[in-house]
Amino acid sequence: YFTDQVDKDRNVTTKGTVSKLNITNPTYRAGLVYEPIKNLSFYTSYNTYFKPSRTVAPNGDMFDPETGYQGELGIRYAYKELISINVSGFTLARTNILQSFAGGVLKNIGTGTSKGFEVDLQANITQQFSFIAGYSNANTRIEKNKDSNFENPDAGKKLPFAPEHLFHSWLTYELDKSVLKGLGIGAGASYTSDNYANSSNTYKLPAYTLVDAALWYKFSKYEMRFNLNNITDLFYYRDAIFG
């Protein structure tokens, strides 16, 4: 990155200082699965994360890349095609998170951490009925900045756009006999808990529950589907701009 001074004819009069960013870095991923008995397995995984910062402050300051890791440990039980249950715990961290403060000041606010667990269930109750559901819980936190020259005012707050609770479910029924074979219907609900639009946690996006449905018909190698989203016509916020 550099800023050159030019005259009215766009000729460079003064060359600016060139600053270079670190935009390459190796990342790693590893996993292990152990199946002590049939239908039951334990697994673990670990991976690292790297995201270059392409932001330059008005005063020319540049920022370190965002890095992080995620570790997961879980157990899965599956019996034929009838039922499968998955339970896992995770921990992850992101460092060098860039945040904008009052007056257009940009700072690396330090490390954001998230710890929690997930539960997923899939069941084929009969040949016609199937059901899936899932829940996740994540406790997030902005840690104190290690930079002694900057005291992060958001330390101890929750990460923005990180709901603590997420839930989803979906139930389907499909005819496999009679003249209506191939006709199916499904319905489900999803829940997102409230979460914050900024790292200072001064503005909250409210929780919401959505209800969806679907109708489809399968014939030969084709399928026609009609989806109806947000049946209750709920007004809700999924995101926000500028905190």
Protein backbone atom coordinates (compact mmCIF):
# COMPACT_ATOMS: atom_id res chain seq x y z
CA TYR A 1 0.00 0.00 0.00
CA PHE A 2 1.20 3.51 -0.78
CA THR A 3 -0.15 7.00 -1.41
CA ASP A 4 1.50 9.18 -4.06
CA GLN A 5 0.98 12.92 -4.48
CA VAL A 6 0.01 14.02 -8.01
CA ASP A 7 -0.50 17.31 -9.83
CA LYS A 8 -3.54 18.37 -11.83
CA ASP A 9 -2.31 16.38 -14.83
CA ARG A 10 -2.01 13.23 -12.73
CA ASN A 11 1.77 13.28 -12.80
CA VAL A 12 3.40 11.91 -9.64
CA THR A 13 5.15 14.70 -7.76
CA THR A 14 6.02 12.82 -4.57
CA LYS A 15 6.18 9.08 -4.08
CA GLY A 16 4.63 7.71 -0.90
CA THR A 17 6.20 5.17 1.42
CA VAL A 18 5.39 1.60 0.43
CA SER A 19 3.98 -0.65 3.18
CA LYS A 20 3.68 -4.41 2.71
CA LEU A 21 1.21 -6.73 4.39
CA ASN A 22 1.73 -10.33 5.39
CA ILE A 23 -0.84 -12.05 3.19
CA THR A 24 0.44 -15.63 3.28
CA ASN A 25 0.64 -18.02 6.19
CA PRO A 26 0.35 -21.82 6.52
CA THR A 27 -2.75 -23.23 8.18
CA TYR A 28 -3.15 -26.73 9.57
CA ARG A 29 -5.92 -29.24 10.01
CA ALA A 30 -5.97 -32.65 11.65
CA GLY A 31 -8.60 -35.10 12.81
CA LEU A 32 -8.96 -38.52 14.38
CA VAL A 33 -11.89 -40.95 14.56
CA TYR A 34 -12.05 -44.00 16.87
CA GLU A 35 -14.80 -46.62 16.66
CA PRO A 36 -14.61 -48.93 19.71
CA ILE A 37 -17.80 -50.80 18.78
CA LYS A 38 -20.08 -50.88 15.80
CA ASN A 39 -22.35 -47.82 15.45
CA LEU A 40 -20.44 -45.81 18.09
CA SER A 41 -17.54 -43.50 17.30
CA PHE A 42 -15.47 -40.82 19.02
CA TYR A 43 -13.79 -38.06 17.07
CA THR A 44 -11.60 -35.03 17.55
CA SER A 45 -10.28 -32.34 15.24
CA TYR A 46 -8.09 -29.26 15.33
CA ASN A 47 -7.55 -26.59 12.69
CA THR A 48 -5.99 -23.16 12.42
CA TYR A 49 -7.26 -20.00 10.73
CA PHE A 50 -5.65 -17.07 8.94
CA LYS A 51 -7.20 -13.94 7.43
CA PRO A 52 -5.07 -11.04 6.16
CA SER A 53 -6.18 -7.53 7.08
CA ARG A 54 -6.69 -5.36 4.02
CA THR A 55 -7.67 -2.32 6.06
CA VAL A 56 -5.44 0.75 6.18
CA ALA A 57 -6.23 3.48 8.73
CA PRO A 58 -6.50 7.11 7.56
CA ASN A 59 -3.13 7.80 9.18
CA GLY A 60 -1.53 4.95 7.25
CA ASP A 61 -1.46 2.42 10.10
CA MET A 62 -1.66 -1.20 9.01
CA PHE A 63 -2.79 -4.17 11.05
CA ASP A 64 -1.63 -7.70 11.75
CA PRO A 65 -3.53 -10.59 10.14
CA GLU A 66 -6.36 -12.19 12.06
CA THR A 67 -5.44 -15.68 13.19
CA GLY A 68 -7.13 -18.36 15.21
CA TYR A 69 -7.82 -22.00 15.92
CA GLN A 70 -10.68 -24.37 16.61
CA GLY A 71 -10.68 -27.63 18.53
CA GLU A 72 -13.56 -30.09 18.72
CA LEU A 73 -14.29 -33.34 20.56
CA GLY A 74 -17.39 -35.39 19.93
CA ILE A 75 -19.25 -38.68 20.02
CA ARG A 76 -21.61 -40.09 17.41
CA TYR A 77 -24.05 -42.98 17.56
CA ALA A 78 -25.79 -44.27 14.45
CA TYR A 79 -28.01 -47.33 14.08
CA LYS A 80 -28.56 -48.39 10.48
CA GLU A 81 -30.57 -45.63 8.81
CA LEU A 82 -33.03 -45.33 11.68
CA ILE A 83 -31.33 -42.90 14.05
CA SER A 84 -28.12 -40.96 14.49
CA ILE A 85 -27.10 -38.76 17.44
CA ASN A 86 -24.10 -36.47 17.49
CA VAL A 87 -22.83 -34.56 20.54
CA SER A 88 -19.70 -32.41 20.44
CA GLY A 89 -17.92 -29.74 22.41
CA PHE A 90 -15.75 -27.04 20.89
CA THR A 91 -13.44 -24.18 21.71
CA LEU A 92 -12.17 -21.57 19.30
CA ALA A 93 -10.28 -18.30 19.35
CA ARG A 94 -9.67 -15.41 16.96
CA THR A 95 -6.80 -13.00 17.58
CA ASN A 96 -6.10 -9.52 16.20
CA ILE A 97 -9.80 -8.74 15.67
CA LEU A 98 -10.07 -5.29 14.11
CA GLN A 99 -12.64 -2.90 15.57
CA SER A 100 -13.62 0.69 14.79
CA PHE A 101 -13.98 3.05 17.75
CA ALA A 102 -15.33 6.59 18.10
CA GLY A 103 -13.62 9.16 15.93
CA GLY A 104 -12.76 6.60 13.25
CA VAL A 105 -9.99 5.05 15.34
CA LEU A 106 -9.12 1.50 14.30
CA LYS A 107 -7.57 -0.90 16.80
CA ASN A 108 -6.89 -4.60 17.18
CA ILE A 109 -9.14 -5.41 20.13
CA GLY A 110 -7.29 -8.60 20.96
CA THR A 111 -8.72 -12.10 21.13
CA GLY A 112 -12.30 -13.32 20.89
CA THR A 113 -13.05 -16.75 22.31
CA SER A 114 -16.02 -19.07 22.02
CA LYS A 115 -16.70 -22.25 23.97
CA GLY A 116 -19.76 -24.42 23.74
CA PHE A 117 -21.41 -27.62 22.55
CA GLU A 118 -23.70 -28.94 19.83
CA VAL A 119 -26.32 -31.69 19.72
CA ASP A 120 -27.76 -33.10 16.48
CA LEU A 121 -30.46 -35.74 16.06
CA GLN A 122 -31.75 -37.43 12.94
CA ALA A 123 -34.45 -40.09 13.10
CA ASN A 124 -36.39 -41.97 10.47
CA ILE A 125 -39.42 -42.80 12.58
CA THR A 126 -41.08 -44.81 9.78
CA GLN A 127 -40.50 -45.14 6.07
CA GLN A 128 -42.70 -42.07 5.67
CA PHE A 129 -41.77 -39.98 8.72
CA SER A 130 -38.38 -38.41 9.34
CA PHE A 131 -37.24 -35.86 11.87
CA ILE A 132 -34.09 -33.80 12.38
CA ALA A 133 -33.24 -31.35 15.13
CA GLY A 134 -30.20 -29.56 16.41
CA TYR A 135 -29.13 -27.25 19.20
CA SER A 136 -25.93 -25.33 19.83
CA ASN A 137 -24.74 -23.25 22.75
CA ALA A 138 -21.80 -20.86 22.48
CA ASN A 139 -20.39 -18.67 25.24
CA THR A 140 -18.32 -15.92 23.63
CA ARG A 141 -16.02 -13.36 25.19
CA ILE A 142 -13.64 -10.61 24.13
CA GLU A 143 -10.40 -11.09 26.03
CA LYS A 144 -8.12 -8.36 27.33
CA ASN A 145 -5.73 -6.99 24.73
CA LYS A 146 -2.11 -7.99 25.22
CA ASP A 147 -0.97 -4.62 23.88
CA SER A 148 0.03 -2.66 26.99
CA ASN A 149 -0.28 0.60 25.03
CA PHE A 150 -3.99 0.11 24.43
CA GLU A 151 -6.58 -0.73 27.07
CA ASN A 152 -9.47 -2.39 25.30
CA PRO A 153 -12.76 -0.92 26.61
CA ASP A 154 -14.67 -3.94 25.27
CA ALA A 155 -12.75 -6.58 27.24
CA GLY A 156 -15.14 -8.97 28.94
CA LYS A 157 -17.99 -8.23 26.52
CA LYS A 158 -19.56 -10.74 24.13
CA LEU A 159 -18.48 -11.03 20.51
CA PRO A 160 -20.83 -9.27 18.07
CA PHE A 161 -23.23 -11.31 15.93
CA ALA A 162 -22.68 -14.42 18.06
CA PRO A 163 -26.00 -15.71 19.48
CA GLU A 164 -25.62 -17.94 22.53
CA HIS A 165 -28.46 -20.29 21.55
CA LEU A 166 -29.39 -21.73 18.15
CA PHE A 167 -32.07 -24.36 17.52
CA HIS A 168 -33.57 -25.90 14.41
CA SER A 169 -36.03 -28.72 13.67
CA TRP A 170 -37.61 -30.23 10.58
CA LEU A 171 -40.31 -32.90 10.23
CA THR A 172 -41.19 -34.52 6.91
CA TYR A 173 -43.83 -36.97 5.71
CA GLU A 174 -43.74 -38.57 2.27
CA LEU A 175 -46.24 -40.99 0.75
CA ASP A 176 -44.74 -44.16 -0.69
CA LYS A 177 -47.97 -45.90 -1.68
CA SER A 178 -51.25 -45.10 -3.44
CA VAL A 179 -51.67 -42.84 -6.45
CA LEU A 180 -50.05 -39.98 -4.51
CA LYS A 181 -46.71 -41.79 -4.14
CA GLY A 182 -43.92 -39.23 -4.23
CA LEU A 183 -45.95 -36.48 -2.59
CA GLY A 184 -44.34 -35.06 0.53
CA ILE A 185 -44.78 -32.29 3.05
CA GLY A 186 -42.38 -30.81 5.59
CA ALA A 187 -42.42 -28.21 8.31
CA GLY A 188 -40.01 -26.92 10.90
CA ALA A 189 -38.90 -24.09 13.14
CA SER A 190 -35.63 -22.38 13.94
CA TYR A 191 -34.69 -20.17 16.86
CA THR A 192 -31.90 -17.60 17.17
CA SER A 193 -31.30 -15.95 20.54
CA ASP A 194 -30.54 -12.26 20.90
CA ASN A 195 -27.03 -11.07 20.06
CA TYR A 196 -25.12 -7.82 19.87
CA ALA A 197 -24.38 -5.70 16.82
CA ASN A 198 -21.17 -4.24 18.24
CA SER A 199 -18.29 -5.25 20.47
CA SER A 200 -19.27 -2.73 23.15
CA ASN A 201 -22.62 -4.58 23.51
CA THR A 202 -24.63 -1.35 23.46
CA TYR A 203 -27.03 -2.42 20.72
CA LYS A 204 -28.86 -5.74 20.81
CA LEU A 205 -30.55 -7.59 17.98
CA PRO A 206 -33.66 -9.30 19.42
CA ALA A 207 -34.22 -13.07 19.38
CA TYR A 208 -36.57 -14.56 16.80
CA THR A 209 -38.23 -17.84 15.82
CA LEU A 210 -38.99 -18.68 12.20
CA VAL A 211 -41.49 -21.27 10.97
CA ASP A 212 -41.07 -22.73 7.46
CA ALA A 213 -42.84 -25.38 5.37
CA ALA A 214 -42.41 -27.20 2.09
CA LEU A 215 -44.51 -29.26 -0.33
CA TRP A 216 -42.98 -31.44 -3.05
CA TYR A 217 -43.74 -34.12 -5.57
CA LYS A 218 -41.21 -36.62 -6.93
CA PHE A 219 -41.73 -38.33 -10.24
CA SER A 220 -39.30 -40.27 -12.39
CA LYS A 221 -35.93 -38.48 -11.98
CA TYR A 222 -37.46 -35.10 -11.21
CA GLU A 223 -38.85 -33.23 -8.24
CA MET A 224 -41.11 -30.19 -8.01
CA ARG A 225 -40.92 -28.28 -4.73
CA PHE A 226 -42.77 -25.34 -3.20
CA ASN A 227 -41.15 -23.66 -0.20
CA LEU A 228 -42.89 -21.26 2.16
CA ASN A 229 -40.50 -19.36 4.43
CA ASN A 230 -41.41 -17.38 7.53
CA ILE A 231 -45.04 -18.50 7.63
CA THR A 232 -45.92 -16.17 10.52
CA ASP A 233 -44.57 -13.17 8.57
CA LEU A 234 -42.30 -12.27 11.46
CA PHE A 235 -40.30 -9.03 11.24
CA TYR A 236 -36.78 -9.77 12.46
CA TYR A 237 -33.17 -8.61 12.17
CA ARG A 238 -30.44 -10.92 10.92
CA ASP A 239 -27.61 -8.41 10.65
CA ALA A 240 -26.62 -4.79 11.11
CA ILE A 241 -24.21 -2.38 9.44
CA PHE A 242 -21.80 -0.09 11.31
CA GLY A 243 -22.73 -1.61 14.68
